[in-house]
Amino acid sequence: NVEIKVQKVAVATALPKGTLKDI
């Protein structure tokens, strides 16, 4: 789903890179 992918990118941008693995 494209919307979910975009949301994950937005979260990854807003939060520290250390949280990327939790997405």
PDB file of N, CA and C in Angstrom:
ATOM      1  N   ASN A   1       0.854  -1.193   0.000  1.00  0.00           N
ATOM      2  CA  ASN A   1       0.000   0.000   0.000  1.00  0.00           C
ATOM      3  C   ASN A   1       0.888   1.241   0.000  1.00  0.00           C
ATOM      4  N   VAL A   2       0.681   2.112  -0.956  1.00  0.00           N
ATOM      5  CA  VAL A   2       1.524   3.303  -1.091  1.00  0.00           C
ATOM      6  C   VAL A   2       1.341   4.237   0.104  1.00  0.00           C
ATOM      7  N   GLU A   3       0.112   4.373   0.580  1.00  0.00           N
ATOM      8  CA  GLU A   3      -0.156   5.290   1.693  1.00  0.00           C
ATOM      9  C   GLU A   3       0.606   4.873   2.940  1.00  0.00           C
ATOM     10  N   ILE A   4       0.649   3.567   3.192  1.00  0.00           N
ATOM     11  CA  ILE A   4       1.374   3.065   4.362  1.00  0.00           C
ATOM     12  C   ILE A   4       2.859   3.352   4.213  1.00  0.00           C
ATOM     13  N   LYS A   5       3.384   3.166   3.022  1.00  0.00           N
ATOM     14  CA  LYS A   5       4.811   3.405   2.777  1.00  0.00           C
ATOM     15  C   LYS A   5       5.150   4.871   3.014  1.00  0.00           C
ATOM     16  N   VAL A   6       4.304   5.759   2.527  1.00  0.00           N
ATOM     17  CA  VAL A   6       4.529   7.196   2.710  1.00  0.00           C
ATOM     18  C   VAL A   6       4.468   7.548   4.189  1.00  0.00           C
ATOM     19  N   GLN A   7       3.531   6.927   4.906  1.00  0.00           N
ATOM     20  CA  GLN A   7       3.396   7.203   6.338  1.00  0.00           C
ATOM     21  C   GLN A   7       4.650   6.778   7.084  1.00  0.00           C
ATOM     22  N   LYS A   8       5.197   5.622   6.711  1.00  0.00           N
ATOM     23  CA  LYS A   8       6.414   5.137   7.355  1.00  0.00           C
ATOM     24  C   LYS A   8       7.576   6.089   7.101  1.00  0.00           C
ATOM     25  N   VAL A   9       7.649   6.614   5.882  1.00  0.00           N
ATOM     26  CA  VAL A   9       8.717   7.558   5.547  1.00  0.00           C
ATOM     27  C   VAL A   9       8.563   8.828   6.375  1.00  0.00           C
ATOM     28  N   ALA A  10       7.329   9.269   6.548  1.00  0.00           N
ATOM     29  CA  ALA A  10       7.077  10.484   7.324  1.00  0.00           C
ATOM     30  C   ALA A  10       7.480  10.277   8.778  1.00  0.00           C
ATOM     31  N   VAL A  11       7.153   9.114   9.325  1.00  0.00           N
ATOM     32  CA  VAL A  11       7.511   8.798  10.710  1.00  0.00           C
ATOM     33  C   VAL A  11       9.022   8.705  10.844  1.00  0.00           C
ATOM     34  N   ALA A  12       9.666   8.066   9.878  1.00  0.00           N
ATOM     35  CA  ALA A  12      11.121   7.905   9.919  1.00  0.00           C
ATOM     36  C   ALA A  12      11.812   9.265   9.866  1.00  0.00           C
ATOM     37  N   THR A  13      11.210  10.200   9.158  1.00  0.00           N
ATOM     38  CA  THR A  13      11.796  11.534   9.041  1.00  0.00           C
ATOM     39  C   THR A  13      11.607  12.321  10.335  1.00  0.00           C
ATOM     40  N   ALA A  14      10.475  12.114  10.992  1.00  0.00           N
ATOM     41  CA  ALA A  14      10.155  12.873  12.202  1.00  0.00           C
ATOM     42  C   ALA A  14      10.900  12.339  13.418  1.00  0.00           C
ATOM     43  N   LEU A  15      11.205  11.055  13.417  1.00  0.00           N
ATOM     44  CA  LEU A  15      11.846  10.430  14.572  1.00  0.00           C
ATOM     45  C   LEU A  15      13.306  10.126  14.285  1.00  0.00           C
ATOM     46  N   PRO A  16      14.092   9.905  15.346  1.00  0.00           N
ATOM     47  CA  PRO A  16      15.502   9.543  15.173  1.00  0.00           C
ATOM     48  C   PRO A  16      15.640   8.265  14.350  1.00  0.00           C
ATOM     49  N   LYS A  17      16.747   8.126  13.662  1.00  0.00           N
ATOM     50  CA  LYS A  17      16.950   6.967  12.793  1.00  0.00           C
ATOM     51  C   LYS A  17      16.933   5.662  13.585  1.00  0.00           C
ATOM     52  N   GLY A  18      17.205   5.726  14.882  1.00  0.00           N
ATOM     53  CA  GLY A  18      17.223   4.530  15.717  1.00  0.00           C
ATOM     54  C   GLY A  18      15.860   3.864  15.802  1.00  0.00           C
ATOM     55  N   THR A  19      14.796   4.617  15.510  1.00  0.00           N
ATOM     56  CA  THR A  19      13.453   4.070  15.606  1.00  0.00           C
ATOM     57  C   THR A  19      12.997   3.472  14.283  1.00  0.00           C
ATOM     58  N   LEU A  20      13.811   3.640  13.256  1.00  0.00           N
ATOM     59  CA  LEU A  20      13.426   3.162  11.927  1.00  0.00           C
ATOM     60  C   LEU A  20      13.195   1.655  11.931  1.00  0.00           C
ATOM     61  N   LYS A  21      14.002   0.929  12.700  1.00  0.00           N
ATOM     62  CA  LYS A  21      13.889  -0.524  12.747  1.00  0.00           C
ATOM     63  C   LYS A  21      12.598  -0.972  13.424  1.00  0.00           C
ATOM     64  N   ASP A  22      11.946  -0.078  14.166  1.00  0.00           N
ATOM     65  CA  ASP A  22      10.710  -0.426  14.867  1.00  0.00           C
ATOM     66  C   ASP A  22       9.484  -0.231  13.987  1.00  0.00           C
ATOM     67  N   ILE A  23       9.674   0.349  12.829  1.00  0.00           N
ATOM     68  CA  ILE A  23       8.546   0.630  11.935  1.00  0.00           C
ATOM     69  C   ILE A  23       8.191  -0.628  11.131  1.00  0.00           C
TER      70      ILE A  23
END
